[in-house]
Amino acid sequence: MLGEEGWRRVEAGGRPYVLLCWHEALLPVMWHHRHRGIAALVSEARDGQYLSSFAGSLGYGLIRGSSTRGGRRALRAAIRALEQGTPVGITPDGPRGPRRIAKPGAVTAAARSGAVVLPVHADAWPAWRARSWDRFLVPAPFATVRVAYGEPFEVATGDVAEEAALTHAAQELDQAARLAAWPDGGETHIG
């Protein structure tokens, strides 16, 4: 793990946090953070059913909704969970992209609840990449997985502060992605 000190600091401090990762890294990030009492924000679409089942089997609580369906309700539920001390996992570019373009829900939830934003990314070698909008990462059996964290940060309330936090979140996620990346790629395309 790279940059895990920030994550350990946040967890030791007992503050709720928004665990933020790009959609493409969802599988290894979920696996790495399993059974830690995190609630995952999962799309209400049909493919979200599969993810809900998988997340539940890994010990995640579920918040259903996305930017395209049930978004306001999901945002309120995420804020409530954070206010009650439950960390919430969100993919800011999900469920349909565009890839690595963050939508504001995660930083809004952090601002309104007083939670910390904790960016994380993962890469694996060997691995497969889906030929989908997000280039979804599927680690091969017995793959080596690199997990990298960005620097945790807080979000002030207000439109200007949240806009700046959204830009900062994307930068921290991109930095974590660069840290986690394998130099030679190590991937095959599927789908």
C-alpha atoms as a PDB file:
ATOM      1  CA  MET A   1       0.000   0.000   0.000  1.00  0.00           C
ATOM      2  CA  LEU A   2       1.189   3.446  -0.875  1.00  0.00           C
ATOM      3  CA  GLY A   3       0.243   6.529   1.127  1.00  0.00           C
ATOM      4  CA  GLU A   4      -1.730   4.510   3.665  1.00  0.00           C
ATOM      5  CA  GLU A   5      -0.654   6.801   6.522  1.00  0.00           C
ATOM      6  CA  GLY A   6      -3.479   9.205   5.675  1.00  0.00           C
ATOM      7  CA  TRP A   7      -6.054   6.417   5.729  1.00  0.00           C
ATOM      8  CA  ARG A   8      -4.711   5.073   9.031  1.00  0.00           C
ATOM      9  CA  ARG A   9      -4.793   8.601  10.484  1.00  0.00           C
ATOM     10  CA  VAL A  10      -8.416   9.091   9.448  1.00  0.00           C
ATOM     11  CA  GLU A  11      -9.494   5.701  10.792  1.00  0.00           C
ATOM     12  CA  ALA A  12      -7.607   6.215  14.070  1.00  0.00           C
ATOM     13  CA  GLY A  13      -9.242   9.624  14.480  1.00  0.00           C
ATOM     14  CA  GLY A  14     -12.680   8.010  14.336  1.00  0.00           C
ATOM     15  CA  ARG A  15     -14.072  10.532  11.861  1.00  0.00           C
ATOM     16  CA  PRO A  16     -16.414   9.378   9.149  1.00  0.00           C
ATOM     17  CA  TYR A  17     -14.984   9.524   5.659  1.00  0.00           C
ATOM     18  CA  VAL A  18     -15.999   9.317   2.038  1.00  0.00           C
ATOM     19  CA  LEU A  19     -13.873   6.599   0.445  1.00  0.00           C
ATOM     20  CA  LEU A  20     -13.529   7.846  -3.105  1.00  0.00           C
ATOM     21  CA  CYS A  21     -12.279   5.769  -6.048  1.00  0.00           C
ATOM     22  CA  TRP A  22     -12.632   5.853  -9.807  1.00  0.00           C
ATOM     23  CA  HIS A  23     -15.206   3.335 -11.054  1.00  0.00           C
ATOM     24  CA  GLU A  24     -12.578   1.316 -12.918  1.00  0.00           C
ATOM     25  CA  ALA A  25     -10.827   0.327  -9.658  1.00  0.00           C
ATOM     26  CA  LEU A  26     -13.992  -0.684  -7.816  1.00  0.00           C
ATOM     27  CA  LEU A  27     -13.293  -4.439  -7.509  1.00  0.00           C
ATOM     28  CA  PRO A  28      -9.835  -4.300  -5.909  1.00  0.00           C
ATOM     29  CA  VAL A  29     -10.732  -1.268  -3.759  1.00  0.00           C
ATOM     30  CA  MET A  30     -13.848  -3.020  -2.440  1.00  0.00           C
ATOM     31  CA  TRP A  31     -11.897  -6.179  -1.734  1.00  0.00           C
ATOM     32  CA  HIS A  32      -9.143  -4.302   0.105  1.00  0.00           C
ATOM     33  CA  HIS A  33     -11.616  -2.402   2.341  1.00  0.00           C
ATOM     34  CA  ARG A  34     -13.999  -5.299   3.014  1.00  0.00           C
ATOM     35  CA  HIS A  35     -15.536  -5.849   6.477  1.00  0.00           C
ATOM     36  CA  ARG A  36     -14.702  -2.328   7.694  1.00  0.00           C
ATOM     37  CA  GLY A  37     -18.252  -1.085   8.219  1.00  0.00           C
ATOM     38  CA  ILE A  38     -18.348   0.994   5.036  1.00  0.00           C
ATOM     39  CA  ALA A  39     -21.628   1.684   3.252  1.00  0.00           C
ATOM     40  CA  ALA A  40     -21.313   1.528  -0.543  1.00  0.00           C
ATOM     41  CA  LEU A  41     -23.332   3.803  -2.813  1.00  0.00           C
ATOM     42  CA  VAL A  42     -24.595   1.467  -5.558  1.00  0.00           C
ATOM     43  CA  SER A  43     -26.641   2.235  -8.661  1.00  0.00           C
ATOM     44  CA  GLU A  44     -30.315   1.276  -8.761  1.00  0.00           C
ATOM     45  CA  ALA A  45     -29.851   0.034 -12.329  1.00  0.00           C
ATOM     46  CA  ARG A  46     -29.987  -3.694 -13.044  1.00  0.00           C
ATOM     47  CA  ASP A  47     -26.187  -4.069 -13.093  1.00  0.00           C
ATOM     48  CA  GLY A  48     -26.183  -2.477  -9.640  1.00  0.00           C
ATOM     49  CA  GLN A  49     -27.959  -5.620  -8.372  1.00  0.00           C
ATOM     50  CA  TYR A  50     -24.852  -7.697  -9.031  1.00  0.00           C
ATOM     51  CA  LEU A  51     -22.641  -5.153  -7.319  1.00  0.00           C
ATOM     52  CA  SER A  52     -25.061  -4.976  -4.374  1.00  0.00           C
ATOM     53  CA  SER A  53     -24.853  -8.725  -3.872  1.00  0.00           C
ATOM     54  CA  PHE A  54     -21.061  -8.679  -4.128  1.00  0.00           C
ATOM     55  CA  ALA A  55     -20.733  -5.691  -1.780  1.00  0.00           C
ATOM     56  CA  GLY A  56     -23.057  -7.303   0.760  1.00  0.00           C
ATOM     57  CA  SER A  57     -20.988 -10.494   0.716  1.00  0.00           C
ATOM     58  CA  LEU A  58     -17.920  -8.385   1.576  1.00  0.00           C
ATOM     59  CA  GLY A  59     -19.623  -6.802   4.571  1.00  0.00           C
ATOM     60  CA  TYR A  60     -20.626  -3.478   3.022  1.00  0.00           C
ATOM     61  CA  GLY A  61     -23.821  -1.704   3.932  1.00  0.00           C
ATOM     62  CA  LEU A  62     -25.771  -0.470   0.908  1.00  0.00           C
ATOM     63  CA  ILE A  63     -27.073   2.903  -0.176  1.00  0.00           C
ATOM     64  CA  ARG A  64     -28.997   2.601  -3.447  1.00  0.00           C
ATOM     65  CA  GLY A  65     -29.031   5.377  -6.025  1.00  0.00           C
ATOM     66  CA  SER A  66     -26.790   7.244  -8.434  1.00  0.00           C
ATOM     67  CA  SER A  67     -26.444  10.483 -10.348  1.00  0.00           C
ATOM     68  CA  THR A  68     -28.807   9.095 -12.991  1.00  0.00           C
ATOM     69  CA  ARG A  69     -31.421   7.378 -10.807  1.00  0.00           C
ATOM     70  CA  GLY A  70     -32.479   8.094  -7.208  1.00  0.00           C
ATOM     71  CA  GLY A  71     -29.666  10.622  -6.769  1.00  0.00           C
ATOM     72  CA  ARG A  72     -31.237  13.009  -4.247  1.00  0.00           C
ATOM     73  CA  ARG A  73     -32.457  10.176  -2.052  1.00  0.00           C
ATOM     74  CA  ALA A  74     -29.043   8.504  -2.207  1.00  0.00           C
ATOM     75  CA  LEU A  75     -27.267  11.772  -1.340  1.00  0.00           C
ATOM     76  CA  ARG A  76     -29.509  12.275   1.713  1.00  0.00           C
ATOM     77  CA  ALA A  77     -28.903   8.669   2.789  1.00  0.00           C
ATOM     78  CA  ALA A  78     -25.127   9.065   2.369  1.00  0.00           C
ATOM     79  CA  ILE A  79     -25.153  12.259   4.446  1.00  0.00           C
ATOM     80  CA  ARG A  80     -27.203  10.537   7.187  1.00  0.00           C
ATOM     81  CA  ALA A  81     -24.815   7.579   7.241  1.00  0.00           C
ATOM     82  CA  LEU A  82     -21.792   9.884   7.497  1.00  0.00           C
ATOM     83  CA  GLU A  83     -23.437  11.925  10.261  1.00  0.00           C
ATOM     84  CA  GLN A  84     -23.959   8.677  12.167  1.00  0.00           C
ATOM     85  CA  GLY A  85     -20.244   7.856  11.795  1.00  0.00           C
ATOM     86  CA  THR A  86     -20.448   5.323   8.955  1.00  0.00           C
ATOM     87  CA  PRO A  87     -17.854   5.678   6.188  1.00  0.00           C
ATOM     88  CA  VAL A  88     -19.385   5.772   2.692  1.00  0.00           C
ATOM     89  CA  GLY A  89     -17.747   4.504  -0.520  1.00  0.00           C
ATOM     90  CA  ILE A  90     -18.518   6.450  -3.699  1.00  0.00           C
ATOM     91  CA  THR A  91     -17.277   6.270  -7.288  1.00  0.00           C
ATOM     92  CA  PRO A  92     -17.593   9.887  -8.449  1.00  0.00           C
ATOM     93  CA  ASP A  93     -17.462   8.979 -12.154  1.00  0.00           C
ATOM     94  CA  GLY A  94     -20.023   6.185 -11.903  1.00  0.00           C
ATOM     95  CA  PRO A  95     -22.289   4.595 -12.835  1.00  0.00           C
ATOM     96  CA  ARG A  96     -21.929   5.539 -16.519  1.00  0.00           C
ATOM     97  CA  GLY A  97     -19.094   8.024 -16.824  1.00  0.00           C
ATOM     98  CA  PRO A  98     -17.483   9.738 -18.457  1.00  0.00           C
ATOM     99  CA  ARG A  99     -14.338   8.006 -17.217  1.00  0.00           C
ATOM    100  CA  ARG A 100     -12.386   9.861 -14.521  1.00  0.00           C
ATOM    101  CA  ILE A 101     -14.666  12.896 -14.604  1.00  0.00           C
ATOM    102  CA  ALA A 102     -15.937  13.475 -11.060  1.00  0.00           C
ATOM    103  CA  LYS A 103     -19.542  14.387 -10.320  1.00  0.00           C
ATOM    104  CA  PRO A 104     -20.214  16.539  -7.225  1.00  0.00           C
ATOM    105  CA  GLY A 105     -22.222  14.150  -5.003  1.00  0.00           C
ATOM    106  CA  ALA A 106     -19.288  12.841  -2.970  1.00  0.00           C
ATOM    107  CA  VAL A 107     -17.868  16.247  -2.050  1.00  0.00           C
ATOM    108  CA  THR A 108     -21.374  17.548  -1.316  1.00  0.00           C
ATOM    109  CA  ALA A 109     -21.949  14.656   1.089  1.00  0.00           C
ATOM    110  CA  ALA A 110     -18.600  15.337   2.769  1.00  0.00           C
ATOM    111  CA  ALA A 111     -19.277  19.078   3.079  1.00  0.00           C
ATOM    112  CA  ARG A 112     -22.762  18.663   4.531  1.00  0.00           C
ATOM    113  CA  SER A 113     -21.776  15.925   6.990  1.00  0.00           C
ATOM    114  CA  GLY A 114     -18.344  17.178   8.053  1.00  0.00           C
ATOM    115  CA  ALA A 115     -16.728  13.978   6.792  1.00  0.00           C
ATOM    116  CA  VAL A 116     -13.205  13.675   5.411  1.00  0.00           C
ATOM    117  CA  VAL A 117     -12.652  12.755   1.754  1.00  0.00           C
ATOM    118  CA  LEU A 118     -10.217   9.857   1.351  1.00  0.00           C
ATOM    119  CA  PRO A 119      -9.148   9.236  -2.287  1.00  0.00           C
ATOM    120  CA  VAL A 120      -7.904   5.737  -3.178  1.00  0.00           C
ATOM    121  CA  HIS A 121      -7.025   3.832  -6.331  1.00  0.00           C
ATOM    122  CA  ALA A 122      -5.875   0.300  -7.090  1.00  0.00           C
ATOM    123  CA  ASP A 123      -4.179  -1.468  -9.970  1.00  0.00           C
ATOM    124  CA  ALA A 124      -3.323  -5.127 -10.461  1.00  0.00           C
ATOM    125  CA  TRP A 125      -0.873  -7.225 -12.417  1.00  0.00           C
ATOM    126  CA  PRO A 126      -1.718  -9.335 -14.252  1.00  0.00           C
ATOM    127  CA  ALA A 127      -5.215  -8.066 -14.933  1.00  0.00           C
ATOM    128  CA  TRP A 128      -7.906  -7.726 -17.538  1.00  0.00           C
ATOM    129  CA  ARG A 129      -9.578  -4.487 -18.605  1.00  0.00           C
ATOM    130  CA  ALA A 130     -13.124  -4.451 -19.927  1.00  0.00           C
ATOM    131  CA  ARG A 131     -13.764  -2.645 -23.193  1.00  0.00           C
ATOM    132  CA  SER A 132     -16.285  -0.470 -21.392  1.00  0.00           C
ATOM    133  CA  TRP A 133     -16.526   3.279 -20.761  1.00  0.00           C
ATOM    134  CA  ASP A 134     -14.462   2.938 -17.564  1.00  0.00           C
ATOM    135  CA  ARG A 135     -11.949   0.258 -18.658  1.00  0.00           C
ATOM    136  CA  PHE A 136     -13.126  -1.747 -15.609  1.00  0.00           C
ATOM    137  CA  LEU A 137     -10.238  -3.570 -13.917  1.00  0.00           C
ATOM    138  CA  VAL A 138     -10.520  -7.278 -13.167  1.00  0.00           C
ATOM    139  CA  PRO A 139      -7.431  -8.670 -11.389  1.00  0.00           C
ATOM    140  CA  ALA A 140      -6.327 -12.084 -12.661  1.00  0.00           C
ATOM    141  CA  PRO A 141      -6.255 -14.965 -10.157  1.00  0.00           C
ATOM    142  CA  PHE A 142      -3.285 -14.567  -7.792  1.00  0.00           C
ATOM    143  CA  ALA A 143      -2.574 -11.075  -9.136  1.00  0.00           C
ATOM    144  CA  THR A 144      -0.505  -8.608  -7.183  1.00  0.00           C
ATOM    145  CA  VAL A 145      -2.613  -5.572  -6.305  1.00  0.00           C
ATOM    146  CA  ARG A 146      -1.241  -2.114  -5.576  1.00  0.00           C
ATOM    147  CA  VAL A 147      -3.414   0.184  -3.502  1.00  0.00           C
ATOM    148  CA  ALA A 148      -2.515   3.877  -3.311  1.00  0.00           C
ATOM    149  CA  TYR A 149      -4.150   6.636  -1.283  1.00  0.00           C
ATOM    150  CA  GLY A 150      -4.347  10.333  -1.983  1.00  0.00           C
ATOM    151  CA  GLU A 151      -4.089  12.831   0.839  1.00  0.00           C
ATOM    152  CA  PRO A 152      -7.285  13.002   2.930  1.00  0.00           C
ATOM    153  CA  PHE A 153      -8.955  16.413   2.944  1.00  0.00           C
ATOM    154  CA  GLU A 154     -11.965  18.259   4.320  1.00  0.00           C
ATOM    155  CA  VAL A 155     -14.584  20.137   2.321  1.00  0.00           C
ATOM    156  CA  ALA A 156     -15.988  23.482   3.415  1.00  0.00           C
ATOM    157  CA  THR A 157     -19.646  24.214   2.691  1.00  0.00           C
ATOM    158  CA  GLY A 158     -20.679  26.521  -0.110  1.00  0.00           C
ATOM    159  CA  ASP A 159     -20.727  26.301  -3.890  1.00  0.00           C
ATOM    160  CA  VAL A 160     -17.260  27.783  -4.454  1.00  0.00           C
ATOM    161  CA  ALA A 161     -15.631  25.563  -1.800  1.00  0.00           C
ATOM    162  CA  GLU A 162     -17.362  22.448  -3.109  1.00  0.00           C
ATOM    163  CA  GLU A 163     -16.340  23.237  -6.694  1.00  0.00           C
ATOM    164  CA  ALA A 164     -12.711  23.613  -5.587  1.00  0.00           C
ATOM    165  CA  ALA A 165     -12.977  20.371  -3.575  1.00  0.00           C
ATOM    166  CA  LEU A 166     -14.315  18.533  -6.630  1.00  0.00           C
ATOM    167  CA  THR A 167     -11.270  19.608  -8.644  1.00  0.00           C
ATOM    168  CA  HIS A 168      -8.983  18.675  -5.744  1.00  0.00           C
ATOM    169  CA  ALA A 169     -10.654  15.249  -5.399  1.00  0.00           C
ATOM    170  CA  ALA A 170     -10.078  14.485  -9.089  1.00  0.00           C
ATOM    171  CA  GLN A 171      -6.430  15.549  -8.789  1.00  0.00           C
ATOM    172  CA  GLU A 172      -5.883  13.359  -5.712  1.00  0.00           C
ATOM    173  CA  LEU A 173      -7.574  10.388  -7.420  1.00  0.00           C
ATOM    174  CA  ASP A 174      -5.415  10.854 -10.508  1.00  0.00           C
ATOM    175  CA  GLN A 175      -2.293  11.061  -8.324  1.00  0.00           C
ATOM    176  CA  ALA A 176      -3.301   7.845  -6.522  1.00  0.00           C
ATOM    177  CA  ALA A 177      -3.885   6.207  -9.930  1.00  0.00           C
ATOM    178  CA  ARG A 178      -0.369   7.202 -11.050  1.00  0.00           C
ATOM    179  CA  LEU A 179       1.111   5.798  -7.821  1.00  0.00           C
ATOM    180  CA  ALA A 180      -0.770   2.501  -8.127  1.00  0.00           C
ATOM    181  CA  ALA A 181      -0.100   1.975 -11.842  1.00  0.00           C
ATOM    182  CA  TRP A 182       2.187  -0.786 -13.043  1.00  0.00           C
ATOM    183  CA  PRO A 183       4.924   0.615 -15.292  1.00  0.00           C
ATOM    184  CA  ASP A 184       4.410  -1.992 -18.028  1.00  0.00           C
ATOM    185  CA  GLY A 185       0.612  -2.088 -17.907  1.00  0.00           C
ATOM    186  CA  GLY A 186       0.291  -5.841 -17.328  1.00  0.00           C
ATOM    187  CA  GLU A 187      -3.245  -6.062 -18.658  1.00  0.00           C
ATOM    188  CA  THR A 188      -5.265  -7.822 -21.314  1.00  0.00           C
ATOM    189  CA  HIS A 189      -8.550  -6.487 -22.700  1.00  0.00           C
ATOM    190  CA  ILE A 190     -11.814  -8.381 -22.313  1.00  0.00           C
ATOM    191  CA  GLY A 191     -15.326  -7.792 -23.568  1.00  0.00           C
END
